[in-house]
Amino acid sequence: MRLIDADWIVDSDIANCLGAEYYSCVPDVRDMLNDQPTAYDVEAVVEQLNKELELADEEKRRCAVENMLQFDETKGYARGMACAIEIVKRGGRDEK
């Protein structure tokens, strides 16, 4: 599976695929494309975010020892990465 940008598919592209005799179906196909949810590989995204979280945690540990002025910044970044992972796992839906 791969992501596509459906906005790049113009009505003339749809008409060319359907054929001239089905031009009246173009608005229905456009609606169908617009109604589709965004699809992505949750596992792959979470894996990438976890790598970033590991780097942020390493930097947080380093700053706690070497540079306390940057500690809050790195702590906030790590927290943001952890939140992003949870949002992706939920599929962008509310926590409810």
C-alpha atoms as a PDB file:
ATOM      1  CA  MET A   1       0.000   0.000   0.000  1.00  0.00           C
ATOM      2  CA  ARG A   2       1.171   3.536  -0.674  1.00  0.00           C
ATOM      3  CA  LEU A   3      -0.139   7.001  -0.087  1.00  0.00           C
ATOM      4  CA  ILE A   4      -1.334   9.045  -3.018  1.00  0.00           C
ATOM      5  CA  ASP A   5      -2.388  12.668  -3.276  1.00  0.00           C
ATOM      6  CA  ALA A   6      -5.865  12.367  -4.767  1.00  0.00           C
ATOM      7  CA  ASP A   7      -5.928  16.127  -5.362  1.00  0.00           C
ATOM      8  CA  TRP A   8      -3.492  15.576  -8.211  1.00  0.00           C
ATOM      9  CA  ILE A   9      -6.013  13.384 -10.033  1.00  0.00           C
ATOM     10  CA  VAL A  10      -7.924  15.828 -12.198  1.00  0.00           C
ATOM     11  CA  ASP A  11     -11.331  15.252 -13.744  1.00  0.00           C
ATOM     12  CA  SER A  12      -9.836  14.833 -17.209  1.00  0.00           C
ATOM     13  CA  ASP A  13      -7.687  11.940 -15.892  1.00  0.00           C
ATOM     14  CA  ILE A  14     -10.790  10.268 -14.511  1.00  0.00           C
ATOM     15  CA  ALA A  15     -12.676  10.825 -17.771  1.00  0.00           C
ATOM     16  CA  ASN A  16      -9.800   9.381 -19.794  1.00  0.00           C
ATOM     17  CA  CYS A  17      -9.807   6.227 -17.666  1.00  0.00           C
ATOM     18  CA  LEU A  18     -13.563   5.790 -17.782  1.00  0.00           C
ATOM     19  CA  GLY A  19     -14.004   6.658 -21.429  1.00  0.00           C
ATOM     20  CA  ALA A  20     -16.039   9.463 -22.980  1.00  0.00           C
ATOM     21  CA  GLU A  21     -19.331   7.587 -22.663  1.00  0.00           C
ATOM     22  CA  TYR A  22     -18.974   7.596 -18.859  1.00  0.00           C
ATOM     23  CA  TYR A  23     -18.051  11.266 -18.444  1.00  0.00           C
ATOM     24  CA  SER A  24     -21.188  11.818 -16.365  1.00  0.00           C
ATOM     25  CA  CYS A  25     -19.681   9.496 -13.701  1.00  0.00           C
ATOM     26  CA  VAL A  26     -16.675  11.763 -13.098  1.00  0.00           C
ATOM     27  CA  PRO A  27     -18.290  13.651 -10.163  1.00  0.00           C
ATOM     28  CA  ASP A  28     -19.174  10.341  -8.487  1.00  0.00           C
ATOM     29  CA  VAL A  29     -15.616   9.047  -8.875  1.00  0.00           C
ATOM     30  CA  ARG A  30     -14.251  12.373  -7.558  1.00  0.00           C
ATOM     31  CA  ASP A  31     -16.554  12.076  -4.509  1.00  0.00           C
ATOM     32  CA  MET A  32     -15.406   8.491  -3.961  1.00  0.00           C
ATOM     33  CA  LEU A  33     -11.752   9.569  -4.011  1.00  0.00           C
ATOM     34  CA  ASN A  34     -12.398  12.463  -1.630  1.00  0.00           C
ATOM     35  CA  ASP A  35     -14.238  10.202   0.833  1.00  0.00           C
ATOM     36  CA  GLN A  36     -11.362   7.741   1.182  1.00  0.00           C
ATOM     37  CA  PRO A  37      -9.406   7.841   4.440  1.00  0.00           C
ATOM     38  CA  THR A  38      -5.677   8.391   4.422  1.00  0.00           C
ATOM     39  CA  ALA A  39      -3.938   5.038   4.567  1.00  0.00           C
ATOM     40  CA  TYR A  40      -0.463   4.403   5.907  1.00  0.00           C
ATOM     41  CA  ASP A  41       1.537   1.594   7.412  1.00  0.00           C
ATOM     42  CA  VAL A  42       1.078   2.201  11.143  1.00  0.00           C
ATOM     43  CA  GLU A  43       3.829  -0.230  12.113  1.00  0.00           C
ATOM     44  CA  ALA A  44       6.399   1.462   9.879  1.00  0.00           C
ATOM     45  CA  VAL A  45       5.475   4.941  11.127  1.00  0.00           C
ATOM     46  CA  VAL A  46       5.602   3.844  14.779  1.00  0.00           C
ATOM     47  CA  GLU A  47       8.982   2.199  14.166  1.00  0.00           C
ATOM     48  CA  GLN A  48      10.399   5.433  12.732  1.00  0.00           C
ATOM     49  CA  LEU A  49       8.959   7.492  15.582  1.00  0.00           C
ATOM     50  CA  ASN A  50      10.370   5.054  18.151  1.00  0.00           C
ATOM     51  CA  LYS A  51      13.837   5.549  16.659  1.00  0.00           C
ATOM     52  CA  GLU A  52      13.401   9.300  17.051  1.00  0.00           C
ATOM     53  CA  LEU A  53      12.182   8.794  20.616  1.00  0.00           C
ATOM     54  CA  GLU A  54      15.279   6.723  21.424  1.00  0.00           C
ATOM     55  CA  LEU A  55      17.512   9.499  20.079  1.00  0.00           C
ATOM     56  CA  ALA A  56      15.568  12.078  22.095  1.00  0.00           C
ATOM     57  CA  ASP A  57      15.893   9.992  25.253  1.00  0.00           C
ATOM     58  CA  GLU A  58      19.648   9.636  24.691  1.00  0.00           C
ATOM     59  CA  GLU A  59      19.958  13.384  24.238  1.00  0.00           C
ATOM     60  CA  LYS A  60      17.859  13.963  27.355  1.00  0.00           C
ATOM     61  CA  ARG A  61      20.221  11.753  29.386  1.00  0.00           C
ATOM     62  CA  ARG A  62      23.244  13.551  27.964  1.00  0.00           C
ATOM     63  CA  CYS A  63      21.802  16.967  28.746  1.00  0.00           C
ATOM     64  CA  ALA A  64      20.935  15.928  32.301  1.00  0.00           C
ATOM     65  CA  VAL A  65      24.664  15.376  32.869  1.00  0.00           C
ATOM     66  CA  GLU A  66      26.359  17.875  30.561  1.00  0.00           C
ATOM     67  CA  ASN A  67      23.987  20.750  29.804  1.00  0.00           C
ATOM     68  CA  MET A  68      21.027  21.340  32.107  1.00  0.00           C
ATOM     69  CA  LEU A  69      20.027  24.424  30.083  1.00  0.00           C
ATOM     70  CA  GLN A  70      18.956  22.165  27.213  1.00  0.00           C
ATOM     71  CA  PHE A  71      17.412  19.459  29.398  1.00  0.00           C
ATOM     72  CA  ASP A  72      13.890  20.942  29.412  1.00  0.00           C
ATOM     73  CA  GLU A  73      13.984  21.358  25.648  1.00  0.00           C
ATOM     74  CA  THR A  74      14.996  17.752  25.041  1.00  0.00           C
ATOM     75  CA  LYS A  75      12.522  16.516  27.648  1.00  0.00           C
ATOM     76  CA  GLY A  76       9.745  18.365  25.803  1.00  0.00           C
ATOM     77  CA  TYR A  77      10.851  16.929  22.463  1.00  0.00           C
ATOM     78  CA  ALA A  78      10.886  13.390  23.880  1.00  0.00           C
ATOM     79  CA  ARG A  79       7.410  13.911  25.341  1.00  0.00           C
ATOM     80  CA  GLY A  80       6.178  15.169  21.971  1.00  0.00           C
ATOM     81  CA  MET A  81       7.565  12.090  20.225  1.00  0.00           C
ATOM     82  CA  ALA A  82       5.857   9.800  22.755  1.00  0.00           C
ATOM     83  CA  CYS A  83       2.552  11.624  22.179  1.00  0.00           C
ATOM     84  CA  ALA A  84       2.966  11.354  18.397  1.00  0.00           C
ATOM     85  CA  ILE A  85       3.469   7.596  18.709  1.00  0.00           C
ATOM     86  CA  GLU A  86       0.238   7.247  20.687  1.00  0.00           C
ATOM     87  CA  ILE A  87      -1.683   9.366  18.176  1.00  0.00           C
ATOM     88  CA  VAL A  88      -0.423   7.233  15.272  1.00  0.00           C
ATOM     89  CA  LYS A  89      -1.314   4.018  17.112  1.00  0.00           C
ATOM     90  CA  ARG A  90      -4.868   5.328  17.597  1.00  0.00           C
ATOM     91  CA  GLY A  91      -5.072   6.211  13.917  1.00  0.00           C
ATOM     92  CA  GLY A  92      -5.516   9.895  14.713  1.00  0.00           C
ATOM     93  CA  ARG A  93      -8.756   9.235  16.578  1.00  0.00           C
ATOM     94  CA  ASP A  94      -9.608  10.749  19.944  1.00  0.00           C
ATOM     95  CA  GLU A  95      -8.586   8.801  23.019  1.00  0.00           C
ATOM     96  CA  LYS A  96     -12.210   7.826  23.733  1.00  0.00           C
END
